[in-house]
Each structure stands twice: as C-alpha cells, then as structure tokens.
C-alpha cells in the first residue's frame, strides 16, 4: 500500500465518521425539536400560551430548518388573536418548508389570517398558492370562494366611496367657486356704493358755494331778491292801460293850468265889453 492510498483511505474514513456524527446530531436535534413542539401543543391545549410559546421557540432554536416549530407557534399566535405575529411565523414556514404539504398548510393559514384582518384581496392570492400546492383541498377551495366574494364587495365599496368622494369634491369645488363669486359680487357692490358715495359727495360739494352753503338755497335767495326787484320795477313803471301816480299828478297840474288860462281869458274879455255872439250869422 502506497502512502497516497493510505491518505485517501484515512480521509474517507474521517469524512464518513464526520458525516455520521453530523447526521446523528441532526437527528437528535429534530428529535428534541419535536419533543418541544409536543410539549408546546399540550400546553396550548390548556391555554397556557406563555409556556407553550417558550417550548415552540426552543423547538425553532433547536432545529431552525424545520417548519414544525414555526408552524405550531404561528397557530398558537392565531388562537390568541395575535394575527400579525401569526402571519410572520407562517411566512417563516413558507420559506423553510421542504414539502408541498407544508407550503399548502402555511398558505392556507396565511389566507385565514388575512381574512381576519379584512384583507380579502391578499387572502385570495394566499388561497391560490395553497391550491397550487394541494388542488384537492376542498376547505381551501371553499375559503378561496369566500375570499373572492369578499374582495369583490370591497372593490365595489371602494369604487362607491371614490365616486362619493369625487362628487363631494366637485360639490366643494362648486361651493368654493360660488363663495368666491359671492365675495367678488359683494366686493363689486361695496365698490359701487363707494363710487356712488363719492359721486353723491361730489354732487353735494358742487351744490355748495365757497362758504359751504347749499347753492340751491343761495339761488333761491338770489331768485327771491330778483323777484322783489322786478316787483319794485313793475310798481315804478306804468303798466299798459294804467297811469302811474306821477302821470296822474302831472295831468292834474296841466288841467289846472289850462283851466286857469281859460278863466283868465274870459275875465279879460268881459272887461273889454266885447259882445258875445249868441246866434249864428245868416
């Protein structure tokens, strides 16, 4: 036997022994993990969740590659109502599962957790994955139908809510436009009133004289003075068909003077003895 062959034999024996030891350790770890899982299941049945959770965690720590510990821990969380923790652990099962049966159970339970959280659309996808790994499971197929119906109802409700929101947004937009229009109109009215006030003030100022008195009042006063002056002039001037006092006085004086002249003439003729004719000449 050569040295080379001797080395090959020794190496092979060493590898075989190491593999056997690793295999033995792995089997031992799986056995311990299964024991922890069994203890956890018994505690979970008695509603001792805290101690059961510790046993499941021991199982995962002992054999992380096994999906059994994570699967049972996820079920314990689900029974407790801790759906987020249960979902996380079931997703761990999907990643570590080595068989379709394990993946089917994990996806089925993920669908159940999502339905509890009202996430129907996501649950539909989970049940689909479960059926891909086991198309014969009637329970999964039934849950899949319920999830589809729930997802459709949620979609209809979302569409209705969107339509209501769009209508409300449109109403709010129209209201904002109307409010803006009313504000603009109110602003225009105020501006018109201001302009009218300024115009009235200007007209009022135009109607006042330099002393601040109303021009109409002054005009009325001036008109009154003018009327009085016209009346005085009308009194002083003779009216058509009517003699003034001065004219009557002058006429009376002229008549008196004429009568006096006639009387003087008659007196002079009497003194001369002139015969006055009493008859006509033939």
Foldseek 3Di string as FASTA:
>chain_A
DDPVVVVVVVVVVVVVVVVVVVVVLLVVLQVQLVVLQVVLVVCLVVVVLVSSLVSLVSSCVSPVLDLSSLQSNLVSCVVVVVLVSSLVSLVSQCVSPDALVSLLVSLLVNLVSCVVVLNLVVSLVSLVSSCVSPVPDPVSVVSNVVSVVSVVVVVVVVVVVVVVVVVVVVVVVVVVVVVVVVVVVVVVVVVVVVVVVVVVVVVQVVQADPVRHGVVVVVVVVVVVVVVVVVVVPLVDDDPPGDHPVVVVVVVVVVVVVVVVVVVVVVVCVVVVDDDDDDDDD
